[in-house]
Amino acid sequence: MSLHYEDNRVVGVRTGMGVDFYCKSVVLTAGTFLNGLIHIGRTQLKGGRIGEKASYGITQQLIDMGFRSSRMKTGTPARIDGRSINFDILSEQFGDNKPTGFSYQTKPGYLPKQRSCYMTHTNSEV
């Protein structure tokens, strides 16, 4: 995938299948797929979500146009069986009193049950 631009103005896109679309404006939703990288332990794989392709090339085009780029961590925590955890010895971390959505379209009350996070600590012996 790539951007078509003229005089520092994006005028279209080329899809991964080589199809060109030209338009007055482009909305680029810069998420985990741009230069996507998946970490599984010490292994690194190119991709957006596991099993899905990432988008390469657009980031470099944007840098060439003068934009800055950096990486944000969107890590997914390890999945463990809650029945194997002694929550009594952990520090409970409560969520927001009145949680809000990430979108103006999110309706109040969208989160029927909020769950706490729990913090534990380690040391050099562990």
N, C-alpha and C. Protein backbone atom coordinates (compact mmCIF):
# COMPACT_ATOMS: atom_id res chain seq x y z
N MET A 1 0.84 -1.17 0.00
CA MET A 1 0.00 0.00 0.00
C MET A 1 0.89 1.24 0.00
N SER A 2 0.44 2.26 -0.70
CA SER A 2 1.21 3.50 -0.73
C SER A 2 0.28 4.68 -0.97
N LEU A 3 0.82 5.86 -0.73
CA LEU A 3 0.07 7.10 -0.92
C LEU A 3 0.50 7.76 -2.23
N HIS A 4 -0.46 8.38 -2.91
CA HIS A 4 -0.14 9.23 -4.05
C HIS A 4 -0.19 10.66 -3.54
N TYR A 5 0.88 11.41 -3.78
CA TYR A 5 0.85 12.80 -3.35
C TYR A 5 1.52 13.70 -4.38
N GLU A 6 1.02 14.93 -4.42
CA GLU A 6 1.54 15.96 -5.31
C GLU A 6 1.69 17.23 -4.50
N ASP A 7 2.83 17.87 -4.60
CA ASP A 7 3.07 19.14 -3.88
C ASP A 7 2.75 19.02 -2.40
N ASN A 8 3.25 17.97 -1.75
CA ASN A 8 3.03 17.73 -0.31
C ASN A 8 1.55 17.60 0.06
N ARG A 9 0.74 17.13 -0.85
CA ARG A 9 -0.69 16.93 -0.59
C ARG A 9 -1.06 15.53 -1.07
N VAL A 10 -1.66 14.75 -0.19
CA VAL A 10 -2.08 13.40 -0.55
C VAL A 10 -3.29 13.49 -1.46
N VAL A 11 -3.23 12.80 -2.59
CA VAL A 11 -4.32 12.86 -3.57
C VAL A 11 -4.91 11.47 -3.86
N GLY A 12 -4.40 10.44 -3.19
CA GLY A 12 -4.94 9.11 -3.42
C GLY A 12 -4.12 8.04 -2.74
N VAL A 13 -4.54 6.80 -2.95
CA VAL A 13 -3.84 5.65 -2.37
C VAL A 13 -3.75 4.53 -3.40
N ARG A 14 -2.75 3.69 -3.22
CA ARG A 14 -2.64 2.44 -3.98
C ARG A 14 -2.77 1.31 -2.99
N THR A 15 -3.68 0.40 -3.25
CA THR A 15 -3.92 -0.72 -2.34
C THR A 15 -2.84 -1.78 -2.50
N GLY A 16 -2.84 -2.74 -1.58
CA GLY A 16 -1.89 -3.84 -1.65
C GLY A 16 -2.08 -4.68 -2.89
N MET A 17 -3.24 -4.59 -3.53
CA MET A 17 -3.51 -5.33 -4.77
C MET A 17 -3.18 -4.50 -6.01
N GLY A 18 -2.62 -3.29 -5.78
CA GLY A 18 -2.22 -2.46 -6.91
C GLY A 18 -3.33 -1.62 -7.51
N VAL A 19 -4.46 -1.49 -6.83
CA VAL A 19 -5.57 -0.67 -7.34
C VAL A 19 -5.38 0.76 -6.82
N ASP A 20 -5.52 1.73 -7.72
CA ASP A 20 -5.35 3.14 -7.37
C ASP A 20 -6.70 3.80 -7.15
N PHE A 21 -6.78 4.59 -6.08
CA PHE A 21 -7.95 5.40 -5.79
C PHE A 21 -7.47 6.84 -5.64
N TYR A 22 -8.10 7.75 -6.35
CA TYR A 22 -7.77 9.17 -6.25
C TYR A 22 -8.94 9.90 -5.62
N CYS A 23 -8.62 10.91 -4.82
CA CYS A 23 -9.67 11.59 -4.06
C CYS A 23 -9.21 12.97 -3.62
N LYS A 24 -10.14 13.73 -3.03
CA LYS A 24 -9.81 15.06 -2.51
C LYS A 24 -9.10 14.99 -1.17
N SER A 25 -9.39 13.96 -0.39
CA SER A 25 -8.74 13.82 0.92
C SER A 25 -8.67 12.34 1.29
N VAL A 26 -7.72 12.02 2.17
CA VAL A 26 -7.51 10.66 2.65
C VAL A 26 -7.50 10.71 4.17
N VAL A 27 -8.22 9.79 4.79
CA VAL A 27 -8.17 9.66 6.24
C VAL A 27 -7.29 8.45 6.54
N LEU A 28 -6.19 8.70 7.20
CA LEU A 28 -5.25 7.64 7.53
C LEU A 28 -5.43 7.30 9.00
N THR A 29 -5.89 6.11 9.29
CA THR A 29 -6.07 5.67 10.67
C THR A 29 -4.82 4.92 11.08
N ALA A 30 -3.92 5.63 11.72
CA ALA A 30 -2.60 5.09 12.06
C ALA A 30 -2.71 4.24 13.31
N GLY A 31 -2.87 2.97 13.14
CA GLY A 31 -2.98 2.05 14.26
C GLY A 31 -1.82 1.08 14.29
N THR A 32 -2.07 -0.09 14.79
CA THR A 32 -1.00 -1.07 14.97
C THR A 32 -0.56 -1.71 13.66
N PHE A 33 -1.23 -1.42 12.55
CA PHE A 33 -0.88 -2.06 11.29
C PHE A 33 0.24 -1.33 10.54
N LEU A 34 0.45 -0.03 10.81
CA LEU A 34 1.51 0.70 10.13
C LEU A 34 2.86 0.25 10.68
N ASN A 35 3.67 -0.35 9.82
CA ASN A 35 4.95 -0.93 10.23
C ASN A 35 4.75 -1.90 11.39
N GLY A 36 3.68 -2.65 11.37
CA GLY A 36 3.30 -3.52 12.47
C GLY A 36 4.34 -4.54 12.85
N LEU A 37 4.50 -4.71 14.15
CA LEU A 37 5.47 -5.65 14.69
C LEU A 37 4.85 -6.35 15.89
N ILE A 38 4.87 -7.68 15.86
CA ILE A 38 4.30 -8.49 16.93
C ILE A 38 5.45 -9.11 17.72
N HIS A 39 5.36 -9.03 19.04
CA HIS A 39 6.36 -9.64 19.92
C HIS A 39 5.71 -10.83 20.62
N ILE A 40 6.31 -12.00 20.46
CA ILE A 40 5.88 -13.19 21.19
C ILE A 40 7.13 -13.72 21.87
N GLY A 41 7.24 -13.42 23.17
CA GLY A 41 8.49 -13.74 23.86
C GLY A 41 9.61 -12.95 23.24
N ARG A 42 10.68 -13.62 22.84
CA ARG A 42 11.81 -12.95 22.20
C ARG A 42 11.67 -12.93 20.67
N THR A 43 10.60 -13.51 20.16
CA THR A 43 10.38 -13.57 18.72
C THR A 43 9.64 -12.33 18.25
N GLN A 44 10.06 -11.77 17.13
CA GLN A 44 9.39 -10.63 16.52
C GLN A 44 8.90 -11.03 15.14
N LEU A 45 7.62 -10.72 14.87
CA LEU A 45 7.01 -11.04 13.59
C LEU A 45 6.41 -9.78 12.99
N LYS A 46 6.45 -9.66 11.68
CA LYS A 46 5.78 -8.55 11.01
C LYS A 46 4.29 -8.89 10.95
N GLY A 47 3.45 -7.93 11.29
CA GLY A 47 2.01 -8.16 11.21
C GLY A 47 1.24 -7.11 11.96
N GLY A 48 -0.07 -7.07 11.71
CA GLY A 48 -0.96 -6.15 12.41
C GLY A 48 -1.48 -6.80 13.66
N ARG A 49 -2.37 -7.73 13.50
CA ARG A 49 -2.78 -8.65 14.57
C ARG A 49 -2.27 -10.01 14.14
N ILE A 50 -2.22 -10.92 15.07
CA ILE A 50 -1.70 -12.24 14.73
C ILE A 50 -2.49 -12.82 13.56
N GLY A 51 -1.80 -13.22 12.53
CA GLY A 51 -2.44 -13.78 11.35
C GLY A 51 -2.89 -12.75 10.32
N GLU A 52 -2.67 -11.46 10.58
CA GLU A 52 -3.06 -10.42 9.63
C GLU A 52 -1.84 -9.63 9.20
N LYS A 53 -1.84 -9.19 7.95
CA LYS A 53 -0.69 -8.47 7.40
C LYS A 53 -0.63 -7.04 7.93
N ALA A 54 0.57 -6.53 8.04
CA ALA A 54 0.77 -5.13 8.40
C ALA A 54 0.89 -4.32 7.11
N SER A 55 0.90 -3.02 7.27
CA SER A 55 1.04 -2.11 6.13
C SER A 55 2.43 -1.49 6.18
N TYR A 56 3.22 -1.70 5.14
CA TYR A 56 4.57 -1.17 5.07
C TYR A 56 4.70 -0.21 3.90
N GLY A 57 5.54 0.79 4.07
CA GLY A 57 5.79 1.75 3.00
C GLY A 57 5.19 3.11 3.29
N ILE A 58 3.97 3.15 3.82
CA ILE A 58 3.31 4.43 4.08
C ILE A 58 4.08 5.24 5.11
N THR A 59 4.56 4.58 6.16
CA THR A 59 5.28 5.30 7.20
C THR A 59 6.49 6.02 6.62
N GLN A 60 7.26 5.34 5.78
CA GLN A 60 8.43 5.97 5.18
C GLN A 60 8.02 7.13 4.28
N GLN A 61 6.93 6.99 3.57
CA GLN A 61 6.45 8.10 2.75
C GLN A 61 6.12 9.32 3.61
N LEU A 62 5.47 9.09 4.74
CA LEU A 62 5.12 10.19 5.64
C LEU A 62 6.37 10.84 6.22
N ILE A 63 7.37 10.04 6.57
CA ILE A 63 8.64 10.58 7.07
C ILE A 63 9.30 11.43 5.99
N ASP A 64 9.28 10.94 4.74
CA ASP A 64 9.86 11.68 3.63
C ASP A 64 9.14 13.02 3.41
N MET A 65 7.86 13.09 3.81
CA MET A 65 7.08 14.32 3.67
C MET A 65 7.28 15.26 4.86
N GLY A 66 8.07 14.82 5.88
CA GLY A 66 8.37 15.69 7.01
C GLY A 66 7.68 15.32 8.31
N PHE A 67 6.89 14.26 8.31
CA PHE A 67 6.25 13.82 9.55
C PHE A 67 7.24 13.03 10.39
N ARG A 68 7.01 13.02 11.71
CA ARG A 68 7.81 12.19 12.61
C ARG A 68 7.06 10.89 12.87
N SER A 69 7.79 9.84 13.12
CA SER A 69 7.18 8.54 13.41
C SER A 69 7.86 7.93 14.63
N SER A 70 7.08 7.27 15.45
CA SER A 70 7.61 6.52 16.57
C SER A 70 6.69 5.34 16.82
N ARG A 71 7.06 4.50 17.74
CA ARG A 71 6.30 3.28 18.00
C ARG A 71 5.59 3.39 19.34
N MET A 72 4.33 2.98 19.35
CA MET A 72 3.58 2.92 20.60
C MET A 72 3.36 1.46 20.97
N LYS A 73 3.46 1.17 22.23
CA LYS A 73 3.23 -0.20 22.70
C LYS A 73 1.74 -0.40 22.92
N THR A 74 1.20 -1.40 22.29
CA THR A 74 -0.22 -1.73 22.47
C THR A 74 -0.33 -3.15 23.00
N GLY A 75 0.60 -3.53 23.85
CA GLY A 75 0.75 -4.91 24.28
C GLY A 75 -0.49 -5.53 24.89
N THR A 76 -0.65 -6.79 24.64
CA THR A 76 -1.71 -7.59 25.23
C THR A 76 -1.08 -8.39 26.35
N PRO A 77 -1.65 -8.32 27.55
CA PRO A 77 -1.06 -9.07 28.67
C PRO A 77 -1.20 -10.58 28.48
N ALA A 78 -0.36 -11.27 29.17
CA ALA A 78 -0.43 -12.74 29.13
C ALA A 78 -1.77 -13.20 29.67
N ARG A 79 -2.27 -14.28 29.13
CA ARG A 79 -3.54 -14.84 29.59
C ARG A 79 -3.25 -15.94 30.61
N ILE A 80 -3.81 -15.79 31.81
CA ILE A 80 -3.63 -16.80 32.84
C ILE A 80 -4.98 -17.13 33.45
N ASP A 81 -5.09 -18.27 34.05
CA ASP A 81 -6.32 -18.72 34.69
C ASP A 81 -6.44 -18.02 36.05
N GLY A 82 -7.47 -17.19 36.21
CA GLY A 82 -7.68 -16.44 37.44
C GLY A 82 -7.80 -17.32 38.67
N ARG A 83 -8.20 -18.57 38.49
CA ARG A 83 -8.33 -19.48 39.64
C ARG A 83 -6.97 -19.87 40.21
N SER A 84 -5.90 -19.56 39.46
CA SER A 84 -4.56 -19.92 39.93
C SER A 84 -3.88 -18.76 40.67
N ILE A 85 -4.61 -17.67 40.92
CA ILE A 85 -4.03 -16.48 41.55
C ILE A 85 -4.60 -16.25 42.93
N ASN A 86 -3.74 -15.94 43.89
CA ASN A 86 -4.17 -15.56 45.23
C ASN A 86 -4.32 -14.03 45.24
N PHE A 87 -5.52 -13.55 44.93
CA PHE A 87 -5.76 -12.11 44.85
C PHE A 87 -5.63 -11.42 46.20
N ASP A 88 -5.73 -12.16 47.30
CA ASP A 88 -5.66 -11.56 48.64
C ASP A 88 -4.31 -10.90 48.92
N ILE A 89 -3.26 -11.36 48.27
CA ILE A 89 -1.92 -10.80 48.54
C ILE A 89 -1.51 -9.74 47.51
N LEU A 90 -2.42 -9.36 46.61
CA LEU A 90 -2.13 -8.39 45.57
C LEU A 90 -2.77 -7.05 45.89
N SER A 91 -2.26 -5.99 45.32
CA SER A 91 -2.82 -4.65 45.49
C SER A 91 -3.85 -4.41 44.39
N GLU A 92 -5.09 -4.19 44.79
CA GLU A 92 -6.14 -3.95 43.80
C GLU A 92 -6.04 -2.54 43.23
N GLN A 93 -6.13 -2.44 41.93
CA GLN A 93 -6.07 -1.17 41.21
C GLN A 93 -7.44 -0.95 40.57
N PHE A 94 -8.22 -0.03 41.14
CA PHE A 94 -9.58 0.20 40.65
C PHE A 94 -9.56 1.02 39.36
N GLY A 95 -10.59 0.85 38.56
CA GLY A 95 -10.75 1.63 37.34
C GLY A 95 -11.35 2.99 37.65
N ASP A 96 -11.68 3.74 36.61
CA ASP A 96 -12.28 5.06 36.77
C ASP A 96 -13.66 4.95 37.42
N ASN A 97 -14.01 5.95 38.25
CA ASN A 97 -15.34 5.97 38.87
C ASN A 97 -16.43 6.08 37.83
N LYS A 98 -16.22 6.92 36.85
CA LYS A 98 -17.17 7.08 35.74
C LYS A 98 -16.41 6.90 34.43
N PRO A 99 -16.26 5.65 34.01
CA PRO A 99 -15.47 5.41 32.79
C PRO A 99 -16.14 6.05 31.57
N THR A 100 -15.32 6.56 30.67
CA THR A 100 -15.82 7.14 29.44
C THR A 100 -15.26 6.36 28.26
N GLY A 101 -15.94 6.44 27.15
CA GLY A 101 -15.50 5.73 25.96
C GLY A 101 -14.42 6.50 25.22
N PHE A 102 -13.85 5.88 24.22
CA PHE A 102 -12.82 6.52 23.41
C PHE A 102 -13.42 7.29 22.24
N SER A 103 -14.73 7.20 22.07
CA SER A 103 -15.39 7.85 20.95
C SER A 103 -16.54 8.70 21.44
N TYR A 104 -16.82 9.78 20.74
CA TYR A 104 -17.98 10.61 21.07
C TYR A 104 -19.28 9.85 20.79
N GLN A 105 -19.21 8.76 20.05
CA GLN A 105 -20.40 7.97 19.74
C GLN A 105 -20.73 6.96 20.84
N THR A 106 -19.82 6.75 21.79
CA THR A 106 -20.05 5.79 22.86
C THR A 106 -21.15 6.31 23.77
N LYS A 107 -22.14 5.48 24.01
CA LYS A 107 -23.26 5.88 24.86
C LYS A 107 -22.93 5.64 26.33
N PRO A 108 -23.42 6.50 27.24
CA PRO A 108 -23.20 6.28 28.68
C PRO A 108 -23.73 4.90 29.09
N GLY A 109 -23.05 4.28 30.03
CA GLY A 109 -23.48 2.96 30.52
C GLY A 109 -23.06 1.82 29.63
N TYR A 110 -22.13 2.06 28.70
CA TYR A 110 -21.71 1.01 27.77
C TYR A 110 -20.92 -0.08 28.46
N LEU A 111 -20.38 0.21 29.65
CA LEU A 111 -19.54 -0.75 30.36
C LEU A 111 -20.32 -1.30 31.54
N PRO A 112 -21.01 -2.42 31.37
CA PRO A 112 -21.89 -2.92 32.44
C PRO A 112 -21.15 -3.37 33.69
N LYS A 113 -19.95 -3.94 33.54
CA LYS A 113 -19.21 -4.40 34.71
C LYS A 113 -17.73 -4.12 34.50
N GLN A 114 -17.20 -3.25 35.32
CA GLN A 114 -15.79 -2.91 35.23
C GLN A 114 -14.99 -3.81 36.17
N ARG A 115 -13.89 -4.32 35.69
CA ARG A 115 -13.05 -5.19 36.51
C ARG A 115 -11.80 -4.45 36.95
N SER A 116 -11.33 -4.79 38.12
CA SER A 116 -10.11 -4.18 38.64
C SER A 116 -8.89 -4.87 38.05
N CYS A 117 -7.78 -4.16 38.12
CA CYS A 117 -6.47 -4.76 37.83
C CYS A 117 -5.81 -5.04 39.18
N TYR A 118 -4.83 -5.90 39.18
CA TYR A 118 -4.14 -6.25 40.42
C TYR A 118 -2.65 -6.16 40.19
N MET A 119 -1.95 -5.55 41.15
CA MET A 119 -0.51 -5.35 41.02
C MET A 119 0.24 -6.31 41.93
N THR A 120 1.30 -6.84 41.38
CA THR A 120 2.19 -7.67 42.16
C THR A 120 3.61 -7.15 41.96
N HIS A 121 4.54 -7.64 42.72
CA HIS A 121 5.91 -7.17 42.62
C HIS A 121 6.84 -8.37 42.55
N THR A 122 8.00 -8.14 42.03
CA THR A 122 9.00 -9.19 41.96
C THR A 122 10.30 -8.65 42.57
N ASN A 123 11.28 -9.49 42.66
CA ASN A 123 12.57 -9.06 43.19
C ASN A 123 13.67 -9.88 42.50
N SER A 124 14.91 -9.60 42.84
CA SER A 124 16.03 -10.27 42.18
C SER A 124 16.04 -11.78 42.47
N GLU A 125 15.50 -12.18 43.62
CA GLU A 125 15.46 -13.61 43.96
C GLU A 125 14.53 -14.38 43.02
N VAL A 126 13.43 -13.76 42.65
CA VAL A 126 12.46 -14.40 41.75
C VAL A 126 13.08 -14.56 40.38
